[in-house]
Amino acid sequence: MLGLKQSLAIGKKRTASGGIVDAPVTDGLIGYWRGGEGITTDTSGGTTTVSQWDNIASDRGGEASQTWHMTQSTKADQPTYDATNEVLNWAGGSDKQILTFDATKIDYNTTWSVVVLLDISDINNGILFGHASAVQGKMTFYNSQDGGAVRFQGTSVFYPPHDSSASPLENANFNIIGQTYAASPSDATGMGYISNQYLFLASNSAHNNPAINSGNPYFGSPSSKPYSRFGGYGGQSSSFDAMDIKEVMIFNKQLNQTEVTAIHSYMNGIVTLNVLPDGLDYFGSE
């Protein structure tokens, strides 16, 4: 008879020969979470929720000895688990569902990249990562996919050059979104935004949306507000996003376009990705 908590290692990504698939990019990979792998569920109260999501980076070709995981001990704050589709579900709205992780990995004075494979049904605050208690520490995204904000006390925003009305995140398919960040910045040129197969860089003038003028990119001087929450920030009580999360990656470096292309190719093979429209002046689209 199964107890209230059980660990799942089903649905591992396999090659045609049956071997387990490594991460599509392994250099600098310090955090890796896959739906269907390393998930500890809590079935109390008649619902299947996730109390721990194991970091499998070291097992899938990433950096060694990465044993820090995403956890949540409070049943009411745990995302639910869909074993059939191998996704973690955030109900959104006033339902507070947040996983915690090591606060030393993402801060203003560390270099990092994050990539999330998600299916959004309702965007409210657009907060993926956040501080333990303060709204001044958070990473946000917009439904239009025209950029995202990184806040470590000060807020930095970068707007890539494309028609935001033609690339909504709230659609029937999955999307890849992410950010890259250079440690201890003095301006926003160390920022980058990942939108499916494209990497936009604030340091590249061709990637800056001319319609935003002097406000792009916007930079506010940062200070330490380390992220240790996934799905919101610690003090958040409402306006959560409704979404299914399939995979999460955290790197201790900035990704390049070749690596983003490899991640897109891999993820496009495991889910149906939203197809971004042609002819919108995406970097690499022409």
C-alpha atoms as a PDB file:
ATOM      1  CA  MET A   1       0.000   0.000   0.000  1.00  0.00           C
ATOM      2  CA  LEU A   2       1.369   3.395  -1.022  1.00  0.00           C
ATOM      3  CA  GLY A   3       1.919   6.021   1.632  1.00  0.00           C
ATOM      4  CA  LEU A   4       0.826   9.622   1.387  1.00  0.00           C
ATOM      5  CA  LYS A   5       4.143  10.591  -0.143  1.00  0.00           C
ATOM      6  CA  GLN A   6       5.787   8.856  -3.057  1.00  0.00           C
ATOM      7  CA  SER A   7       8.638   9.625  -5.397  1.00  0.00           C
ATOM      8  CA  LEU A   8       8.134   9.395  -9.148  1.00  0.00           C
ATOM      9  CA  ALA A   9      10.838   8.720 -11.706  1.00  0.00           C
ATOM     10  CA  ILE A  10       8.574   7.821 -14.590  1.00  0.00           C
ATOM     11  CA  GLY A  11       8.529   9.178 -18.097  1.00  0.00           C
ATOM     12  CA  LYS A  12      12.246   9.835 -18.406  1.00  0.00           C
ATOM     13  CA  LYS A  13      13.302  11.306 -21.739  1.00  0.00           C
ATOM     14  CA  ARG A  14      14.872   8.475 -23.718  1.00  0.00           C
ATOM     15  CA  THR A  15      16.787   8.040 -26.931  1.00  0.00           C
ATOM     16  CA  ALA A  16      15.655   5.621 -29.622  1.00  0.00           C
ATOM     17  CA  SER A  17      17.991   3.013 -28.115  1.00  0.00           C
ATOM     18  CA  GLY A  18      16.392   3.443 -24.696  1.00  0.00           C
ATOM     19  CA  GLY A  19      19.104   5.479 -22.955  1.00  0.00           C
ATOM     20  CA  ILE A  20      18.262   8.473 -20.784  1.00  0.00           C
ATOM     21  CA  VAL A  21      18.651  11.769 -22.652  1.00  0.00           C
ATOM     22  CA  ASP A  22      21.062  14.346 -21.229  1.00  0.00           C
ATOM     23  CA  ALA A  23      20.100  17.995 -21.095  1.00  0.00           C
ATOM     24  CA  PRO A  24      20.354  19.715 -24.515  1.00  0.00           C
ATOM     25  CA  VAL A  25      22.946  22.115 -23.043  1.00  0.00           C
ATOM     26  CA  THR A  26      25.115  20.815 -20.204  1.00  0.00           C
ATOM     27  CA  ASP A  27      27.892  23.417 -19.865  1.00  0.00           C
ATOM     28  CA  GLY A  28      27.170  25.504 -16.778  1.00  0.00           C
ATOM     29  CA  LEU A  29      23.927  23.662 -16.026  1.00  0.00           C
ATOM     30  CA  ILE A  30      23.456  23.794 -12.236  1.00  0.00           C
ATOM     31  CA  GLY A  31      19.698  23.318 -12.004  1.00  0.00           C
ATOM     32  CA  TYR A  32      17.491  21.024 -14.080  1.00  0.00           C
ATOM     33  CA  TRP A  33      13.949  19.897 -13.367  1.00  0.00           C
ATOM     34  CA  ARG A  34      11.936  17.643 -15.671  1.00  0.00           C
ATOM     35  CA  GLY A  35       8.293  16.702 -15.419  1.00  0.00           C
ATOM     36  CA  GLY A  36       8.200  12.971 -14.681  1.00  0.00           C
ATOM     37  CA  GLU A  37      11.604  12.802 -13.008  1.00  0.00           C
ATOM     38  CA  GLY A  38      12.481  13.156  -9.349  1.00  0.00           C
ATOM     39  CA  ILE A  39       9.012  14.228  -8.249  1.00  0.00           C
ATOM     40  CA  THR A  40       7.814  13.503  -4.715  1.00  0.00           C
ATOM     41  CA  THR A  41       4.040  13.714  -4.461  1.00  0.00           C
ATOM     42  CA  ASP A  42       1.695  14.187  -1.536  1.00  0.00           C
ATOM     43  CA  THR A  43      -1.682  12.474  -2.003  1.00  0.00           C
ATOM     44  CA  SER A  44      -3.263  13.536   1.287  1.00  0.00           C
ATOM     45  CA  GLY A  45      -6.665  15.184   1.137  1.00  0.00           C
ATOM     46  CA  GLY A  46      -7.541  13.526  -2.147  1.00  0.00           C
ATOM     47  CA  THR A  47      -5.251  15.650  -4.352  1.00  0.00           C
ATOM     48  CA  THR A  48      -1.863  14.852  -5.848  1.00  0.00           C
ATOM     49  CA  THR A  49       0.521  17.708  -5.174  1.00  0.00           C
ATOM     50  CA  VAL A  50       4.302  18.115  -5.346  1.00  0.00           C
ATOM     51  CA  SER A  51       6.305  18.438  -2.122  1.00  0.00           C
ATOM     52  CA  GLN A  52       9.726  18.068  -3.776  1.00  0.00           C
ATOM     53  CA  TRP A  53      11.043  18.350  -7.319  1.00  0.00           C
ATOM     54  CA  ASP A  54      14.591  16.990  -7.540  1.00  0.00           C
ATOM     55  CA  ASN A  55      17.380  18.811  -9.308  1.00  0.00           C
ATOM     56  CA  ILE A  56      18.683  16.295 -11.877  1.00  0.00           C
ATOM     57  CA  ALA A  57      21.354  18.535 -13.458  1.00  0.00           C
ATOM     58  CA  SER A  58      24.266  16.350 -12.332  1.00  0.00           C
ATOM     59  CA  ASP A  59      22.489  13.203 -13.543  1.00  0.00           C
ATOM     60  CA  ARG A  60      21.795  14.667 -16.983  1.00  0.00           C
ATOM     61  CA  GLY A  61      25.265  15.886 -17.929  1.00  0.00           C
ATOM     62  CA  GLY A  62      25.398  19.162 -15.992  1.00  0.00           C
ATOM     63  CA  GLU A  63      27.738  20.391 -13.294  1.00  0.00           C
ATOM     64  CA  ALA A  64      28.656  17.863 -10.577  1.00  0.00           C
ATOM     65  CA  SER A  65      27.225  17.718  -7.041  1.00  0.00           C
ATOM     66  CA  GLN A  66      24.092  19.777  -7.667  1.00  0.00           C
ATOM     67  CA  THR A  67      21.922  18.359  -4.911  1.00  0.00           C
ATOM     68  CA  TRP A  68      19.736  21.392  -4.182  1.00  0.00           C
ATOM     69  CA  HIS A  69      16.075  20.804  -4.985  1.00  0.00           C
ATOM     70  CA  MET A  70      12.757  22.641  -5.184  1.00  0.00           C
ATOM     71  CA  THR A  71      10.571  21.908  -2.151  1.00  0.00           C
ATOM     72  CA  GLN A  72       7.340  22.903  -0.438  1.00  0.00           C
ATOM     73  CA  SER A  73       6.300  21.419   2.903  1.00  0.00           C
ATOM     74  CA  THR A  74       2.920  23.161   3.124  1.00  0.00           C
ATOM     75  CA  LYS A  75       0.288  21.102   1.332  1.00  0.00           C
ATOM     76  CA  ALA A  76      -1.883  24.105   0.460  1.00  0.00           C
ATOM     77  CA  ASP A  77       1.051  25.832  -1.269  1.00  0.00           C
ATOM     78  CA  GLN A  78       2.101  22.855  -3.401  1.00  0.00           C
ATOM     79  CA  PRO A  79       1.424  22.794  -7.150  1.00  0.00           C
ATOM     80  CA  THR A  80      -0.641  19.857  -8.345  1.00  0.00           C
ATOM     81  CA  TYR A  81       0.861  17.124 -10.494  1.00  0.00           C
ATOM     82  CA  ASP A  82      -0.475  15.758 -13.787  1.00  0.00           C
ATOM     83  CA  ALA A  83       1.282  12.413 -14.227  1.00  0.00           C
ATOM     84  CA  THR A  84      -0.273  11.782 -17.642  1.00  0.00           C
ATOM     85  CA  ASN A  85       1.217  14.915 -19.192  1.00  0.00           C
ATOM     86  CA  GLU A  86       4.140  15.105 -16.746  1.00  0.00           C
ATOM     87  CA  VAL A  87       3.579  18.729 -15.779  1.00  0.00           C
ATOM     88  CA  LEU A  88       3.285  20.675 -12.546  1.00  0.00           C
ATOM     89  CA  ASN A  89       0.194  22.857 -12.467  1.00  0.00           C
ATOM     90  CA  TRP A  90      -0.216  26.288 -10.921  1.00  0.00           C
ATOM     91  CA  ALA A  91      -3.940  27.057 -10.584  1.00  0.00           C
ATOM     92  CA  GLY A  92      -3.425  30.823 -10.647  1.00  0.00           C
ATOM     93  CA  GLY A  93      -5.465  33.642  -9.176  1.00  0.00           C
ATOM     94  CA  SER A  94      -5.592  33.567  -5.369  1.00  0.00           C
ATOM     95  CA  ASP A  95      -4.160  30.026  -5.126  1.00  0.00           C
ATOM     96  CA  LYS A  96      -0.703  30.393  -3.625  1.00  0.00           C
ATOM     97  CA  GLN A  97       1.562  27.692  -5.045  1.00  0.00           C
ATOM     98  CA  ILE A  98       5.297  28.259  -4.651  1.00  0.00           C
ATOM     99  CA  LEU A  99       8.361  26.005  -4.565  1.00  0.00           C
ATOM    100  CA  THR A 100      11.510  27.060  -2.674  1.00  0.00           C
ATOM    101  CA  PHE A 101      15.148  26.569  -3.700  1.00  0.00           C
ATOM    102  CA  ASP A 102      18.732  27.606  -2.899  1.00  0.00           C
ATOM    103  CA  ALA A 103      18.921  31.399  -2.533  1.00  0.00           C
ATOM    104  CA  THR A 104      22.598  31.600  -3.563  1.00  0.00           C
ATOM    105  CA  LYS A 105      22.075  30.781  -7.234  1.00  0.00           C
ATOM    106  CA  ILE A 106      20.225  33.811  -8.666  1.00  0.00           C
ATOM    107  CA  ASP A 107      21.116  37.281  -7.418  1.00  0.00           C
ATOM    108  CA  TYR A 108      22.319  40.586  -8.849  1.00  0.00           C
ATOM    109  CA  ASN A 109      25.990  39.669  -8.265  1.00  0.00           C
ATOM    110  CA  THR A 110      25.890  36.261  -9.972  1.00  0.00           C
ATOM    111  CA  THR A 111      25.902  35.463 -13.678  1.00  0.00           C
ATOM    112  CA  TRP A 112      23.017  33.223 -14.658  1.00  0.00           C
ATOM    113  CA  SER A 113      20.514  32.117 -17.272  1.00  0.00           C
ATOM    114  CA  VAL A 114      17.117  30.536 -16.729  1.00  0.00           C
ATOM    115  CA  VAL A 115      14.911  28.712 -19.213  1.00  0.00           C
ATOM    116  CA  VAL A 116      11.344  27.566 -18.522  1.00  0.00           C
ATOM    117  CA  LEU A 117       9.112  25.379 -20.698  1.00  0.00           C
ATOM    118  CA  LEU A 118       5.553  26.321 -19.825  1.00  0.00           C
ATOM    119  CA  ASP A 119       1.966  26.404 -21.029  1.00  0.00           C
ATOM    120  CA  ILE A 120       0.236  29.576 -19.854  1.00  0.00           C
ATOM    121  CA  SER A 121      -3.536  29.801 -19.551  1.00  0.00           C
ATOM    122  CA  ASP A 122      -3.838  33.028 -17.554  1.00  0.00           C
ATOM    123  CA  ILE A 123      -1.161  35.638 -16.854  1.00  0.00           C
ATOM    124  CA  ASN A 124      -1.656  37.860 -13.835  1.00  0.00           C
ATOM    125  CA  ASN A 125       1.615  39.226 -12.415  1.00  0.00           C
ATOM    126  CA  GLY A 126       3.819  37.132 -14.699  1.00  0.00           C
ATOM    127  CA  ILE A 127       6.170  36.212 -11.852  1.00  0.00           C
ATOM    128  CA  LEU A 128       8.274  33.077 -12.329  1.00  0.00           C
ATOM    129  CA  PHE A 129      11.076  33.564  -9.787  1.00  0.00           C
ATOM    130  CA  GLY A 130      11.067  35.674  -6.655  1.00  0.00           C
ATOM    131  CA  HIS A 131      12.585  36.641  -3.322  1.00  0.00           C
ATOM    132  CA  ALA A 132      11.648  34.936  -0.055  1.00  0.00           C
ATOM    133  CA  SER A 133       9.501  37.848   1.094  1.00  0.00           C
ATOM    134  CA  ALA A 134      10.003  41.050  -0.903  1.00  0.00           C
ATOM    135  CA  VAL A 135       8.296  42.208  -4.092  1.00  0.00           C
ATOM    136  CA  GLN A 136      11.546  44.073  -4.877  1.00  0.00           C
ATOM    137  CA  GLY A 137      13.070  40.741  -5.907  1.00  0.00           C
ATOM    138  CA  LYS A 138      11.340  39.085  -8.853  1.00  0.00           C
ATOM    139  CA  MET A 139      11.639  38.007 -12.473  1.00  0.00           C
ATOM    140  CA  THR A 140       8.583  38.739 -14.600  1.00  0.00           C
ATOM    141  CA  PHE A 141       7.382  38.205 -18.146  1.00  0.00           C
ATOM    142  CA  TYR A 142       4.667  39.732 -20.307  1.00  0.00           C
ATOM    143  CA  ASN A 143       1.910  38.042 -22.298  1.00  0.00           C
ATOM    144  CA  SER A 144       3.082  39.766 -25.464  1.00  0.00           C
ATOM    145  CA  GLN A 145       6.577  38.208 -25.252  1.00  0.00           C
ATOM    146  CA  ASP A 146       7.997  41.640 -25.990  1.00  0.00           C
ATOM    147  CA  GLY A 147      10.368  41.498 -23.051  1.00  0.00           C
ATOM    148  CA  GLY A 148      10.749  40.763 -19.394  1.00  0.00           C
ATOM    149  CA  ALA A 149      11.817  42.479 -16.215  1.00  0.00           C
ATOM    150  CA  VAL A 150      14.496  41.513 -13.694  1.00  0.00           C
ATOM    151  CA  ARG A 151      14.291  43.182 -10.296  1.00  0.00           C
ATOM    152  CA  PHE A 152      16.944  43.120  -7.596  1.00  0.00           C
ATOM    153  CA  GLN A 153      15.678  46.179  -5.701  1.00  0.00           C
ATOM    154  CA  GLY A 154      16.197  48.213  -8.881  1.00  0.00           C
ATOM    155  CA  THR A 155      14.252  47.114 -11.976  1.00  0.00           C
ATOM    156  CA  SER A 156      15.796  46.422 -15.382  1.00  0.00           C
ATOM    157  CA  VAL A 157      13.598  45.923 -18.442  1.00  0.00           C
ATOM    158  CA  PHE A 158      14.572  45.094 -22.000  1.00  0.00           C
ATOM    159  CA  TYR A 159      12.178  45.212 -24.966  1.00  0.00           C
ATOM    160  CA  PRO A 160      13.183  43.095 -28.003  1.00  0.00           C
ATOM    161  CA  PRO A 161      12.175  44.214 -31.492  1.00  0.00           C
ATOM    162  CA  HIS A 162       9.050  42.437 -32.593  1.00  0.00           C
ATOM    163  CA  ASP A 163       5.312  42.897 -32.974  1.00  0.00           C
ATOM    164  CA  SER A 164       4.057  42.070 -29.511  1.00  0.00           C
ATOM    165  CA  SER A 165       0.434  41.737 -30.613  1.00  0.00           C
ATOM    166  CA  ALA A 166       1.313  38.724 -32.771  1.00  0.00           C
ATOM    167  CA  SER A 167       3.130  36.679 -30.143  1.00  0.00           C
ATOM    168  CA  PRO A 168       0.891  36.123 -27.108  1.00  0.00           C
ATOM    169  CA  LEU A 169       1.859  33.563 -24.480  1.00  0.00           C
ATOM    170  CA  GLU A 170      -1.759  32.755 -23.671  1.00  0.00           C
ATOM    171  CA  ASN A 171      -2.368  30.213 -26.417  1.00  0.00           C
ATOM    172  CA  ALA A 172      -3.010  26.492 -26.747  1.00  0.00           C
ATOM    173  CA  ASN A 173       0.641  25.440 -26.938  1.00  0.00           C
ATOM    174  CA  PHE A 174       3.830  25.535 -24.883  1.00  0.00           C
ATOM    175  CA  ASN A 175       6.346  28.359 -24.995  1.00  0.00           C
ATOM    176  CA  ILE A 176       9.984  28.701 -23.970  1.00  0.00           C
ATOM    177  CA  ILE A 177      10.806  31.852 -22.046  1.00  0.00           C
ATOM    178  CA  GLY A 178      13.969  32.805 -20.229  1.00  0.00           C
ATOM    179  CA  GLN A 179      16.436  35.450 -19.143  1.00  0.00           C
ATOM    180  CA  THR A 180      20.200  35.837 -19.079  1.00  0.00           C
ATOM    181  CA  TYR A 181      22.004  38.183 -16.699  1.00  0.00           C
ATOM    182  CA  ALA A 182      25.602  39.314 -16.201  1.00  0.00           C
ATOM    183  CA  ALA A 183      26.787  39.716 -12.602  1.00  0.00           C
ATOM    184  CA  SER A 184      26.936  43.120 -10.874  1.00  0.00           C
ATOM    185  CA  PRO A 185      25.808  45.198 -13.869  1.00  0.00           C
ATOM    186  CA  SER A 186      26.309  48.942 -14.202  1.00  0.00           C
ATOM    187  CA  ASP A 187      23.774  49.136 -17.019  1.00  0.00           C
ATOM    188  CA  ALA A 188      21.319  46.854 -18.812  1.00  0.00           C
ATOM    189  CA  THR A 189      23.670  45.642 -21.545  1.00  0.00           C
ATOM    190  CA  GLY A 190      24.214  42.369 -19.667  1.00  0.00           C
ATOM    191  CA  MET A 191      20.566  41.404 -20.047  1.00  0.00           C
ATOM    192  CA  GLY A 192      19.126  38.984 -22.550  1.00  0.00           C
ATOM    193  CA  TYR A 193      15.623  37.649 -23.188  1.00  0.00           C
ATOM    194  CA  ILE A 194      14.805  34.178 -24.550  1.00  0.00           C
ATOM    195  CA  SER A 195      11.630  33.774 -26.571  1.00  0.00           C
ATOM    196  CA  ASN A 196      11.271  30.236 -27.970  1.00  0.00           C
ATOM    197  CA  GLN A 197      14.148  29.808 -30.451  1.00  0.00           C
ATOM    198  CA  TYR A 198      15.398  33.390 -30.212  1.00  0.00           C
ATOM    199  CA  LEU A 199      17.902  35.068 -27.920  1.00  0.00           C
ATOM    200  CA  PHE A 200      17.611  38.854 -27.791  1.00  0.00           C
ATOM    201  CA  LEU A 201      20.518  40.782 -26.283  1.00  0.00           C
ATOM    202  CA  ALA A 202      20.319  44.275 -24.817  1.00  0.00           C
ATOM    203  CA  SER A 203      23.953  44.766 -25.830  1.00  0.00           C
ATOM    204  CA  ASN A 204      23.016  44.405 -29.507  1.00  0.00           C
ATOM    205  CA  SER A 205      21.494  47.647 -30.800  1.00  0.00           C
ATOM    206  CA  ALA A 206      19.731  45.699 -33.544  1.00  0.00           C
ATOM    207  CA  HIS A 207      17.727  43.886 -30.860  1.00  0.00           C
ATOM    208  CA  ASN A 208      16.406  47.021 -29.183  1.00  0.00           C
ATOM    209  CA  ASN A 209      12.836  47.986 -29.993  1.00  0.00           C
ATOM    210  CA  PRO A 210      13.090  51.417 -31.674  1.00  0.00           C
ATOM    211  CA  ALA A 211       9.546  52.298 -30.584  1.00  0.00           C
ATOM    212  CA  ILE A 212      10.616  52.398 -26.924  1.00  0.00           C
ATOM    213  CA  ASN A 213      13.307  55.044 -27.559  1.00  0.00           C
ATOM    214  CA  SER A 214      15.289  56.050 -24.454  1.00  0.00           C
ATOM    215  CA  GLY A 215      13.312  53.670 -22.250  1.00  0.00           C
ATOM    216  CA  ASN A 216      14.837  50.622 -23.902  1.00  0.00           C
ATOM    217  CA  PRO A 217      16.595  49.091 -22.175  1.00  0.00           C
ATOM    218  CA  TYR A 218      15.628  50.522 -18.798  1.00  0.00           C
ATOM    219  CA  PHE A 219      18.044  50.045 -15.916  1.00  0.00           C
ATOM    220  CA  GLY A 220      17.675  50.486 -12.182  1.00  0.00           C
ATOM    221  CA  SER A 221      20.741  49.991  -9.977  1.00  0.00           C
ATOM    222  CA  PRO A 222      20.487  46.545  -8.317  1.00  0.00           C
ATOM    223  CA  SER A 223      21.257  45.326  -4.824  1.00  0.00           C
ATOM    224  CA  SER A 224      20.935  41.930  -3.202  1.00  0.00           C
ATOM    225  CA  LYS A 225      17.448  40.428  -3.397  1.00  0.00           C
ATOM    226  CA  PRO A 226      18.254  36.775  -4.112  1.00  0.00           C
ATOM    227  CA  TYR A 227      15.609  34.603  -5.711  1.00  0.00           C
ATOM    228  CA  SER A 228      14.600  31.511  -3.755  1.00  0.00           C
ATOM    229  CA  ARG A 229      10.995  31.002  -4.878  1.00  0.00           C
ATOM    230  CA  PHE A 230       9.570  29.534  -8.071  1.00  0.00           C
ATOM    231  CA  GLY A 231       6.021  30.419  -9.129  1.00  0.00           C
ATOM    232  CA  GLY A 232       5.878  33.752  -7.288  1.00  0.00           C
ATOM    233  CA  TYR A 233       7.667  35.658  -4.536  1.00  0.00           C
ATOM    234  CA  GLY A 234       7.449  34.730  -0.882  1.00  0.00           C
ATOM    235  CA  GLY A 235       5.201  37.602   0.198  1.00  0.00           C
ATOM    236  CA  GLN A 236       2.791  37.227  -2.704  1.00  0.00           C
ATOM    237  CA  SER A 237      -0.786  36.418  -1.680  1.00  0.00           C
ATOM    238  CA  SER A 238      -2.807  36.716  -4.901  1.00  0.00           C
ATOM    239  CA  SER A 239      -2.682  37.250  -8.674  1.00  0.00           C
ATOM    240  CA  PHE A 240      -0.657  34.129  -9.380  1.00  0.00           C
ATOM    241  CA  ASP A 241      -0.312  32.843 -12.947  1.00  0.00           C
ATOM    242  CA  ALA A 242      -2.227  29.805 -14.157  1.00  0.00           C
ATOM    243  CA  MET A 243       0.296  27.599 -15.943  1.00  0.00           C
ATOM    244  CA  ASP A 244       1.660  24.136 -16.536  1.00  0.00           C
ATOM    245  CA  ILE A 245       5.422  23.778 -16.052  1.00  0.00           C
ATOM    246  CA  LYS A 246       7.203  21.024 -17.975  1.00  0.00           C
ATOM    247  CA  GLU A 247      10.906  21.825 -17.520  1.00  0.00           C
ATOM    248  CA  VAL A 248      13.129  24.362 -15.762  1.00  0.00           C
ATOM    249  CA  MET A 249      16.856  25.002 -16.353  1.00  0.00           C
ATOM    250  CA  ILE A 250      19.250  27.241 -14.431  1.00  0.00           C
ATOM    251  CA  PHE A 251      22.805  27.932 -15.670  1.00  0.00           C
ATOM    252  CA  ASN A 252      25.727  29.691 -13.962  1.00  0.00           C
ATOM    253  CA  LYS A 253      26.595  31.483 -17.204  1.00  0.00           C
ATOM    254  CA  GLN A 254      24.962  33.431 -20.003  1.00  0.00           C
ATOM    255  CA  LEU A 255      23.594  31.341 -22.857  1.00  0.00           C
ATOM    256  CA  ASN A 256      24.418  32.092 -26.483  1.00  0.00           C
ATOM    257  CA  GLN A 257      22.217  31.762 -29.569  1.00  0.00           C
ATOM    258  CA  THR A 258      23.637  28.351 -30.509  1.00  0.00           C
ATOM    259  CA  GLU A 259      22.723  26.999 -27.081  1.00  0.00           C
ATOM    260  CA  VAL A 260      19.240  28.532 -27.194  1.00  0.00           C
ATOM    261  CA  THR A 261      18.727  26.901 -30.604  1.00  0.00           C
ATOM    262  CA  ALA A 262      19.722  23.513 -29.145  1.00  0.00           C
ATOM    263  CA  ILE A 263      17.312  23.917 -26.236  1.00  0.00           C
ATOM    264  CA  HIS A 264      14.511  24.856 -28.619  1.00  0.00           C
ATOM    265  CA  SER A 265      15.212  21.839 -30.829  1.00  0.00           C
ATOM    266  CA  TYR A 266      15.050  19.500 -27.838  1.00  0.00           C
ATOM    267  CA  MET A 267      11.894  21.005 -26.366  1.00  0.00           C
ATOM    268  CA  ASN A 268      10.194  21.101 -29.728  1.00  0.00           C
ATOM    269  CA  GLY A 269      10.602  17.322 -29.774  1.00  0.00           C
ATOM    270  CA  ILE A 270       8.770  16.696 -26.489  1.00  0.00           C
ATOM    271  CA  VAL A 271       5.829  19.155 -26.690  1.00  0.00           C
ATOM    272  CA  THR A 272       3.913  21.177 -29.255  1.00  0.00           C
ATOM    273  CA  LEU A 273       5.528  24.598 -29.172  1.00  0.00           C
ATOM    274  CA  ASN A 274       3.855  27.838 -30.109  1.00  0.00           C
ATOM    275  CA  VAL A 275       5.112  28.878 -33.556  1.00  0.00           C
ATOM    276  CA  LEU A 276       6.193  32.496 -33.534  1.00  0.00           C
ATOM    277  CA  PRO A 277       5.103  34.281 -36.722  1.00  0.00           C
ATOM    278  CA  ASP A 278       7.578  35.019 -39.511  1.00  0.00           C
ATOM    279  CA  GLY A 279       8.543  38.460 -40.692  1.00  0.00           C
ATOM    280  CA  LEU A 280       8.505  40.217 -37.324  1.00  0.00           C
ATOM    281  CA  ASP A 281      12.175  41.190 -37.275  1.00  0.00           C
ATOM    282  CA  TYR A 282      13.137  38.525 -34.779  1.00  0.00           C
ATOM    283  CA  PHE A 283      16.857  38.128 -34.382  1.00  0.00           C
ATOM    284  CA  GLY A 284      17.928  35.218 -36.583  1.00  0.00           C
ATOM    285  CA  SER A 285      14.659  35.094 -38.509  1.00  0.00           C
ATOM    286  CA  GLU A 286      16.042  36.518 -41.735  1.00  0.00           C
END
